[in-house]
Protein backbone atom coordinates (compact mmCIF):
# COMPACT_ATOMS: atom_id res chain seq x y z
CA MET A 1 -20.26 -28.09 16.34
CA VAL A 2 -17.44 -26.83 14.95
CA ASP A 3 -15.53 -27.05 18.38
CA THR A 4 -16.98 -30.57 18.89
CA LEU A 5 -15.30 -31.76 15.64
CA ARG A 6 -12.10 -30.28 16.18
CA ASN A 7 -11.74 -31.80 20.05
CA LEU A 8 -12.74 -35.23 17.97
CA GLU A 9 -10.10 -34.75 15.72
CA ARG A 10 -7.31 -33.82 18.22
CA ARG A 11 -8.12 -36.93 20.23
CA GLY A 12 -7.87 -39.39 17.00
CA SER A 13 -11.49 -40.61 16.91
CA TYR A 14 -11.82 -40.36 13.27
CA SER A 15 -7.97 -41.69 12.60
CA GLU A 16 -9.01 -45.46 12.86
CA LEU A 17 -11.66 -44.81 10.49
CA GLY A 18 -11.17 -46.68 7.41
CA THR A 19 -13.84 -45.76 4.73
CA LEU A 20 -15.17 -42.20 3.62
CA GLU A 21 -18.70 -43.73 4.50
CA ASP A 22 -17.50 -44.36 8.01
CA LEU A 23 -16.02 -41.15 8.39
CA LEU A 24 -19.18 -39.22 7.06
CA GLY A 25 -21.50 -41.36 9.03
CA GLN A 26 -19.43 -40.54 12.46
CA ILE A 27 -19.34 -36.82 12.10
CA GLN A 28 -23.07 -36.67 10.88
CA GLN A 29 -23.61 -38.91 14.54
CA ASP A 30 -21.15 -36.04 16.35
CA LEU A 31 -22.92 -32.76 14.80
CA GLN A 32 -26.51 -34.32 15.71
CA SER A 33 -24.88 -34.61 19.24
CA VAL A 34 -25.00 -31.30 19.65
CA TYR A 35 -28.01 -30.50 18.29
CA PRO A 36 -30.36 -32.85 16.41
CA ASP A 37 -30.93 -30.64 13.51
CA GLN A 38 -32.96 -32.83 11.01
CA HIS A 39 -31.97 -30.49 7.92
CA LEU A 40 -28.25 -30.55 8.81
CA ARG A 41 -26.20 -33.43 7.00
CA ILE A 42 -23.14 -34.51 5.10
CA GLY A 43 -22.25 -36.60 2.63
CA GLU A 44 -21.07 -37.29 -0.96
CA ILE A 45 -22.43 -35.34 -3.42
CA SER A 46 -25.53 -36.76 -5.01
CA GLU A 47 -26.25 -37.87 -8.58
CA HIS A 48 -29.18 -35.33 -9.02
CA GLY A 49 -28.28 -32.90 -6.16
CA ALA A 50 -31.57 -31.35 -4.40
CA PRO A 51 -34.57 -30.25 -6.11
CA PRO A 52 -33.70 -27.23 -7.78
CA SER A 53 -34.94 -23.56 -8.06
CA LEU A 54 -35.55 -22.14 -11.46
CA GLU A 55 -33.14 -19.73 -10.69
CA ASP A 56 -30.24 -22.28 -9.81
CA GLU A 57 -27.85 -22.76 -12.64
CA ILE A 58 -27.02 -26.62 -12.92
CA PRO A 59 -26.24 -29.03 -15.58
CA SER A 60 -28.81 -29.75 -18.02
CA GLU A 61 -28.91 -33.49 -17.49
CA GLN A 62 -29.78 -32.77 -13.79
CA MET A 63 -32.59 -30.50 -14.74
CA SER A 64 -33.94 -32.92 -16.99
CA PHE A 65 -33.78 -35.37 -13.88
CA TRP A 66 -36.00 -32.90 -11.79
CA ASN A 67 -38.50 -32.07 -14.66
CA GLU A 68 -39.13 -35.85 -15.10
CA PHE A 69 -39.61 -36.17 -11.28
CA PHE A 70 -41.72 -33.20 -10.81
CA ARG A 71 -43.95 -34.34 -13.57
CA PHE A 72 -44.59 -37.88 -12.64
CA GLU A 73 -45.18 -36.87 -8.90
CA ASN A 74 -47.47 -34.35 -10.15
CA TYR A 75 -45.68 -31.44 -8.61
CA GLY A 76 -46.71 -32.54 -5.26
CA ILE A 77 -50.34 -32.30 -5.83
CA ARG A 78 -51.40 -35.94 -5.10
CA ALA A 79 -55.07 -35.74 -4.87
CA VAL A 80 -58.08 -33.22 -5.21
CA THR A 81 -61.53 -34.41 -4.88
CA ARG A 82 -65.01 -33.95 -3.33
CA LEU A 83 -65.97 -36.12 -0.73
CA ASP A 84 -69.43 -37.52 0.30
CA GLY A 85 -71.63 -34.87 1.73
CA ASN A 86 -69.58 -31.94 -0.12
CA VAL A 87 -66.52 -31.92 1.80
CA GLY A 88 -63.26 -30.78 -0.17
CA TYR A 89 -60.10 -32.55 -0.04
CA ILE A 90 -56.47 -31.99 -0.94
CA ASP A 91 -53.29 -34.40 -0.65
CA PHE A 92 -50.00 -32.13 -0.89
CA ARG A 93 -47.12 -34.34 -0.64
CA PHE A 94 -44.27 -31.47 -1.12
CA TRP A 95 -43.99 -28.01 -2.26
CA PRO A 96 -41.66 -27.55 -5.39
CA ASP A 97 -40.37 -24.20 -7.11
CA SER A 98 -43.63 -22.07 -7.36
CA ALA A 99 -42.78 -21.35 -11.12
CA LEU A 100 -43.44 -25.11 -11.58
CA VAL A 101 -46.61 -25.09 -9.67
CA THR A 102 -48.61 -21.95 -9.14
CA ASP A 103 -50.83 -22.35 -11.87
CA ARG A 104 -51.25 -25.99 -10.61
CA ILE A 105 -52.20 -24.80 -7.29
CA LEU A 106 -54.29 -22.25 -8.46
CA ALA A 107 -56.45 -24.58 -10.88
CA THR A 108 -56.48 -27.06 -7.53
CA MET A 109 -58.02 -24.45 -5.40
CA SER A 110 -60.57 -23.17 -7.88
CA LEU A 111 -61.85 -26.54 -8.30
CA LEU A 112 -63.12 -26.29 -4.59
CA ARG A 113 -65.12 -23.60 -5.19
CA GLY A 114 -68.51 -24.05 -3.68
CA VAL A 115 -67.13 -26.77 -1.27
CA ASP A 116 -68.75 -26.71 2.25
CA ALA A 117 -65.71 -27.77 4.70
CA LEU A 118 -62.08 -28.52 3.26
CA ILE A 119 -59.71 -31.22 4.53
CA ILE A 120 -55.99 -30.68 3.66
CA ASP A 121 -53.88 -33.65 4.00
CA VAL A 122 -49.99 -33.06 4.60
CA ARG A 123 -49.37 -36.67 6.62
CA TYR A 124 -46.68 -37.57 4.21
CA HIS A 125 -45.51 -34.10 3.03
CA MET A 126 -41.85 -33.87 2.74
CA GLY A 127 -41.77 -30.25 3.10
CA GLY A 128 -40.03 -27.68 0.01
CA ARG A 129 -40.41 -24.06 -0.75
CA ILE A 130 -42.63 -21.36 1.09
CA GLU A 131 -44.51 -19.88 -2.06
CA PRO A 132 -46.68 -23.07 -2.79
CA ALA A 133 -48.33 -22.53 0.85
CA ARG A 134 -48.39 -18.84 0.78
CA LEU A 135 -50.69 -19.29 -2.41
CA VAL A 136 -53.07 -22.06 -0.77
CA LEU A 137 -53.38 -19.79 2.46
CA SER A 138 -54.26 -17.19 0.16
CA HIS A 139 -57.22 -18.50 -0.78
CA LEU A 140 -58.42 -19.30 2.84
CA PHE A 141 -58.30 -15.40 4.37
CA ASP A 142 -60.51 -12.90 2.90
CA GLN A 143 -57.69 -10.14 4.30
CA PRO A 144 -53.99 -10.05 3.85
CA VAL A 145 -52.57 -12.36 6.59
CA HIS A 146 -49.15 -11.93 8.30
CA PHE A 147 -48.65 -16.02 8.48
CA VAL A 148 -45.50 -16.55 9.63
CA THR A 149 -41.84 -14.37 9.99
CA SER A 150 -39.04 -15.67 8.34
CA VAL A 151 -35.82 -15.09 10.71
CA ASN A 152 -32.53 -15.67 8.73
CA ARG A 153 -29.20 -15.77 10.27
CA LEU A 154 -27.03 -15.82 7.55
CA LYS A 155 -28.41 -12.59 5.61
CA ASP A 156 -29.18 -10.77 9.42
CA THR A 157 -32.92 -10.53 8.45
CA GLN A 158 -36.39 -10.72 9.69
CA VAL A 159 -39.15 -10.62 6.76
CA GLU A 160 -42.63 -10.76 7.36
CA GLU A 161 -44.39 -13.10 5.40
CA TRP A 162 -48.00 -12.28 4.28
CA THR A 163 -50.77 -14.10 2.27
CA ALA A 164 -50.86 -12.75 -1.72
CA ALA A 165 -53.42 -11.03 -3.49
CA VAL A 166 -54.17 -13.97 -5.86
CA GLU A 167 -56.91 -13.38 -8.26
CA GLU A 168 -59.42 -15.95 -5.91
CA ARG A 169 -58.17 -14.47 -2.66
CA GLY A 170 -60.62 -16.04 0.08
CA MET A 171 -62.36 -17.90 -1.79
CA LEU A 172 -62.87 -20.35 1.09
CA SER A 173 -62.35 -18.10 3.47
CA ALA A 174 -66.02 -19.04 5.11
CA VAL A 175 -65.47 -22.70 4.63
CA PRO A 176 -64.35 -24.51 7.99
CA ILE A 177 -60.96 -26.72 7.75
CA TRP A 178 -59.23 -29.66 9.06
CA VAL A 179 -55.62 -30.36 8.52
CA LEU A 180 -54.17 -33.67 8.81
CA THR A 181 -50.78 -34.32 9.91
CA SER A 182 -48.27 -37.36 10.92
CA ASN A 183 -44.90 -37.83 12.28
CA GLU A 184 -43.79 -37.94 8.52
CA THR A 185 -45.30 -34.59 8.12
CA ALA A 186 -41.81 -32.89 8.19
CA SER A 187 -40.13 -29.34 7.34
CA GLY A 188 -42.18 -26.79 5.03
CA GLY A 189 -45.06 -29.64 5.19
CA GLU A 190 -45.26 -28.20 8.98
CA LEU A 191 -45.91 -24.79 7.58
CA LEU A 192 -49.51 -24.95 7.05
CA PRO A 193 -50.71 -27.00 10.29
CA PHE A 194 -48.53 -24.78 12.25
CA ALA A 195 -49.89 -21.40 10.76
CA LEU A 196 -53.53 -22.50 10.35
CA LYS A 197 -53.64 -23.83 13.97
CA ASN A 198 -51.88 -20.49 15.36
CA LEU A 199 -54.33 -18.49 13.31
CA GLY A 200 -57.77 -20.20 14.58
CA ARG A 201 -58.30 -21.24 11.00
CA ALA A 202 -58.05 -24.76 11.29
CA THR A 203 -58.39 -28.14 13.34
CA VAL A 204 -55.11 -30.31 13.13
CA VAL A 205 -56.10 -33.89 13.30
CA GLY A 206 -53.57 -36.87 13.72
CA THR A 207 -50.24 -36.94 15.19
CA ARG A 208 -47.49 -34.47 16.09
CA THR A 209 -45.34 -33.30 13.20
CA ARG A 210 -41.79 -34.09 12.49
CA GLY A 211 -40.33 -30.98 14.00
CA ALA A 212 -38.12 -30.32 11.38
CA GLY A 213 -38.08 -26.63 11.40
CA LEU A 214 -35.29 -24.87 10.23
CA ARG A 215 -34.31 -24.16 6.41
CA ALA A 216 -30.83 -25.15 4.95
CA HIS A 217 -28.60 -24.14 2.37
CA GLN A 218 -26.58 -26.39 0.23
CA VAL A 219 -22.61 -25.90 0.28
CA THR A 220 -20.51 -28.15 -1.95
CA VAL A 221 -16.43 -29.45 -1.80
CA PRO A 222 -16.36 -30.44 -5.71
CA HIS A 223 -12.85 -31.33 -4.91
CA LEU A 224 -13.56 -33.61 -2.28
CA GLY A 225 -16.67 -34.84 -3.45
CA LEU A 226 -18.90 -33.64 -0.42
CA GLU A 227 -21.92 -32.03 -0.03
CA MET A 228 -23.43 -30.34 3.22
CA TYR A 229 -26.60 -28.94 4.54
CA ILE A 230 -26.42 -26.14 6.79
CA SER A 231 -29.27 -24.69 8.73
CA HIS A 232 -29.45 -20.78 8.77
CA ALA A 233 -33.46 -19.84 9.08
CA ALA A 234 -36.58 -20.83 10.53
CA ASP A 235 -40.17 -19.45 10.05
CA VAL A 236 -41.74 -18.53 13.24
CA ASP A 237 -45.18 -17.61 14.61
CA PRO A 238 -45.18 -13.52 14.72
CA ALA A 239 -47.00 -13.57 18.23
CA THR A 240 -45.10 -15.75 19.68
CA GLY A 241 -41.47 -15.90 17.83
CA LEU A 242 -41.39 -19.46 17.89
CA GLY A 243 -41.24 -22.00 15.28
CA TRP A 244 -42.15 -26.00 15.34
CA GLU A 245 -38.28 -27.16 15.35
CA GLY A 246 -38.07 -29.59 17.90
CA THR A 247 -41.41 -29.62 18.93
CA GLY A 248 -43.61 -30.10 15.77
CA VAL A 249 -47.06 -29.05 15.05
CA LEU A 250 -49.30 -30.94 18.09
CA PRO A 251 -52.79 -32.17 16.83
CA ASP A 252 -56.06 -30.48 18.14
CA VAL A 253 -57.40 -33.86 17.95
CA GLU A 254 -55.01 -36.48 18.25
CA VAL A 255 -55.80 -39.91 16.40
CA PRO A 256 -53.72 -42.46 14.78
CA ALA A 257 -52.84 -41.02 11.12
CA THR A 258 -54.34 -43.79 9.48
CA ASP A 259 -57.68 -42.79 10.91
CA ALA A 260 -57.20 -38.79 10.82
CA LEU A 261 -58.50 -38.80 7.19
CA VAL A 262 -62.29 -40.39 8.55
CA ARG A 263 -62.20 -38.63 11.70
CA ALA A 264 -61.58 -35.31 10.17
CA HIS A 265 -64.40 -35.93 7.80
CA LEU A 266 -66.76 -37.20 10.46
CA GLU A 267 -66.03 -34.08 12.50
CA ALA A 268 -66.89 -31.95 9.27
CA LEU A 269 -70.02 -33.41 8.49
CA GLU A 270 -71.17 -33.31 11.75
CA TYR A 271 -70.21 -29.91 11.99
CA LEU A 272 -72.48 -29.24 8.71
CA ALA A 273 -75.12 -30.79 10.50
CA GLU A 274 -75.12 -28.43 13.10
CA ASN A 275 -74.43 -25.14 11.22
CA VAL A 276 -75.74 -25.18 7.86
CA THR A 277 -79.66 -23.98 7.99
CA VAL A 278 -80.54 -24.60 4.30
CA ILE A 279 -80.51 -28.07 3.30
CA LEU A 280 -81.90 -29.71 0.22
CA PRO A 281 -83.22 -33.38 0.62
CA ASN A 282 -80.46 -34.73 -1.74
CA MET A 283 -78.16 -33.04 0.55
CA LYS A 284 -79.15 -34.21 3.93
CA ALA A 285 -79.80 -37.81 2.42
CA GLU A 286 -75.78 -37.89 1.16
CA ARG A 287 -74.55 -36.51 4.32
CA ASP A 288 -76.75 -38.89 6.67
CA TRP A 289 -75.60 -41.77 4.65
CA ALA A 290 -71.64 -40.56 4.72
CA LEU A 291 -72.17 -40.09 8.80
CA LEU A 292 -73.12 -43.20 9.32
CA GLY A 293 -70.58 -45.04 7.04
CA LEU A 294 -67.98 -42.98 8.78
CA ARG A 295 -68.85 -43.76 12.52
CA ALA A 296 -68.87 -47.22 11.17
CA LYS A 297 -65.06 -46.97 10.12
CA LEU A 298 -64.28 -45.72 14.00
CA ASN A 299 -66.91 -47.89 15.57
CA ASP A 300 -64.78 -51.04 17.14
CA GLN A 301 -68.04 -52.81 19.03
CA HIS A 302 -68.90 -56.18 18.04
CA PRO A 303 -71.98 -57.67 18.94
CA SER A 304 -71.82 -61.17 20.68
CA GLU A 305 -73.44 -63.67 19.28
CA GLY A 306 -76.35 -63.65 22.33
CA GLU A 307 -76.74 -59.77 21.46
CA LEU A 308 -77.69 -60.52 17.82
CA GLU A 309 -80.31 -62.85 18.82
CA ARG A 310 -82.61 -59.88 19.50
CA TYR A 311 -82.56 -59.01 15.70
CA THR A 312 -83.52 -62.73 14.36
CA GLY A 313 -86.85 -63.40 12.87
CA THR A 314 -89.17 -62.79 9.75
CA PHE A 315 -89.98 -59.52 8.36
CA GLY A 316 -92.45 -59.54 5.47
CA THR A 317 -90.35 -62.40 3.12
CA ARG A 318 -87.51 -61.38 4.69
CA ARG A 319 -85.74 -63.77 7.28
CA ILE A 320 -82.96 -62.80 9.71
CA ARG A 321 -80.94 -65.43 11.57
CA VAL A 322 -77.44 -65.95 13.64
CA GLU A 323 -75.08 -68.55 12.70
CA ASP A 324 -71.53 -69.10 13.62
CA GLY A 325 -71.72 -65.53 15.14
CA ARG A 326 -72.68 -63.91 12.20
CA LEU A 327 -76.08 -62.00 11.66
CA LEU A 328 -77.49 -63.50 8.27
CA TYR A 329 -80.42 -62.09 5.77
CA GLN A 330 -81.96 -64.01 3.50
CA ARG A 331 -84.55 -61.90 0.84
CA ASP A 332 -87.02 -65.18 0.36
CA SER A 333 -87.03 -68.49 0.65
CA THR A 334 -85.46 -69.03 -2.74
CA SER A 335 -82.46 -66.75 -1.68
CA SER A 336 -78.97 -67.54 -0.57
CA ASP A 337 -78.17 -65.83 2.86
CA LEU A 338 -76.52 -62.71 2.97
CA SER A 339 -73.49 -62.12 5.97
CA LEU A 340 -74.26 -58.80 7.55
CA ARG A 341 -71.90 -56.62 9.60
CA HIS A 342 -72.46 -54.42 12.38
CA MET A 343 -72.21 -50.52 11.88
CA ALA A 344 -73.08 -48.53 14.79
CA ASP A 345 -76.67 -48.95 17.05
CA ASP A 346 -79.16 -50.79 15.18
CA TRP A 347 -77.45 -50.38 11.56
CA PHE A 348 -75.90 -53.24 9.60
CA MET A 349 -74.79 -53.50 6.21
CA PHE A 350 -73.79 -56.21 3.78
CA ASP A 351 -70.33 -57.49 3.86
CA SER A 352 -70.77 -57.94 0.03
CA GLY A 353 -69.22 -55.06 -1.50
CA ASP A 354 -71.75 -55.16 -4.33
CA LEU A 355 -74.65 -54.01 -1.94
CA TYR A 356 -72.72 -51.28 -0.85
CA TYR A 357 -75.71 -48.87 -1.81
CA VAL A 358 -78.16 -50.21 1.15
CA ARG A 359 -78.17 -50.86 4.58
CA ILE A 360 -80.21 -52.30 7.37
CA HIS A 361 -81.78 -50.53 10.41
CA PHE A 362 -83.52 -52.40 13.01
CA ASP A 363 -86.21 -50.54 14.18
CA VAL A 364 -87.04 -50.81 18.16
CA ASP A 365 -90.45 -49.84 19.74
CA ASP A 366 -90.96 -48.37 23.27
CA SER A 367 -90.59 -51.58 25.07
CA GLY A 368 -87.06 -52.48 23.46
CA GLY A 369 -87.87 -54.78 21.34
CA VAL A 370 -87.16 -55.20 17.16
CA SER A 371 -90.74 -54.20 15.96
CA SER A 372 -89.57 -53.89 12.30
CA LEU A 373 -86.53 -53.75 9.88
CA THR A 374 -86.20 -50.78 7.15
CA MET A 375 -83.67 -51.32 3.96
CA ALA A 376 -82.34 -47.70 3.59
CA TYR A 377 -80.66 -46.75 0.13
CA ASP A 378 -77.91 -44.20 -0.56
CA ASN A 379 -80.44 -42.28 -2.78
CA GLY A 380 -82.81 -41.80 0.35
CA GLN A 381 -85.44 -44.50 -0.27
CA LYS A 382 -86.47 -46.45 2.99
CA TYR A 383 -88.88 -49.29 2.84
CA THR A 384 -89.78 -50.80 6.25
CA TYR A 385 -91.30 -54.53 7.20
CA ASP A 386 -92.98 -55.29 10.29
CA ARG A 387 -91.63 -58.22 12.06
CA ASP A 388 -93.90 -61.21 12.10
């Protein structure tokens, strides 16, 4: 890179650039032509600087800005919840300094105690420091695990990074895990899918991650008002010595990032249906209900008007008919028609969001004809009406 810039300068490549912005843009482009390092950049010193470590000595007004930024963004923890079927879900967006986020991550992981499966969402994770990732990983293994080796060219060191002895280490060690990724998953955000996939601990769902696998340090030139970020280290797989720089992390299940949560949730529930032996009635009802809803979201089949005709008829007081390519449901002669939307197989749901808690299944006899209509509710109750 140094040789390239010097050669271009000797040729006068920069002499005609009239503004600092043009000059820095060209230098950035020339540096990237040697190697497309996504952390390497040069520019004017930004008003608030890079996200600080608490050990950094920075002006109080910058620290105030970052404290407010972290608070507003909830320190990178966008969401933690229980999805239908007792599947835990966490959405991480960045890793701030561990002193800021340790207690929050410990609390977040503790909230997931008792889930039967876990989905970790890093589709929009922009990176950060290694310590928060270590804390998360420490809850997912019941024994110390060497998850990456940090190779530092600046210090000429290779440091083994291990999970930590947190109070609740291994709390989720028996829980199956899915990690969601996208092309926006960058830098330190790629660490979790990288390590968990290499260790055989999780299924990665989504698209290839960004491939920004180096670490950079900041260099400032105050009298010129410039700052530069120069890569000096990388985290690599202990088994292969390879990192994710330039390659990213490939998903085990490749789907559009927008479909990754639905697909992972569906896979988690299908796994639980096959592998969990102790099932209470409410557990089965909730999982079956969620499975059908998730399959419907991924179902791109739309029955034609001719195919919908097989469901028409009278079922007790209920009447089903087709109009303008839609299947319509009428509860009785005094009720208005309600539009039905196909879910999967012979299942339908109401277009009206007010009736989210009920679905309709058309029961088929041995001859393939529709013999009855079953109203199924999200609490497990079912009511069947024979076709007249």
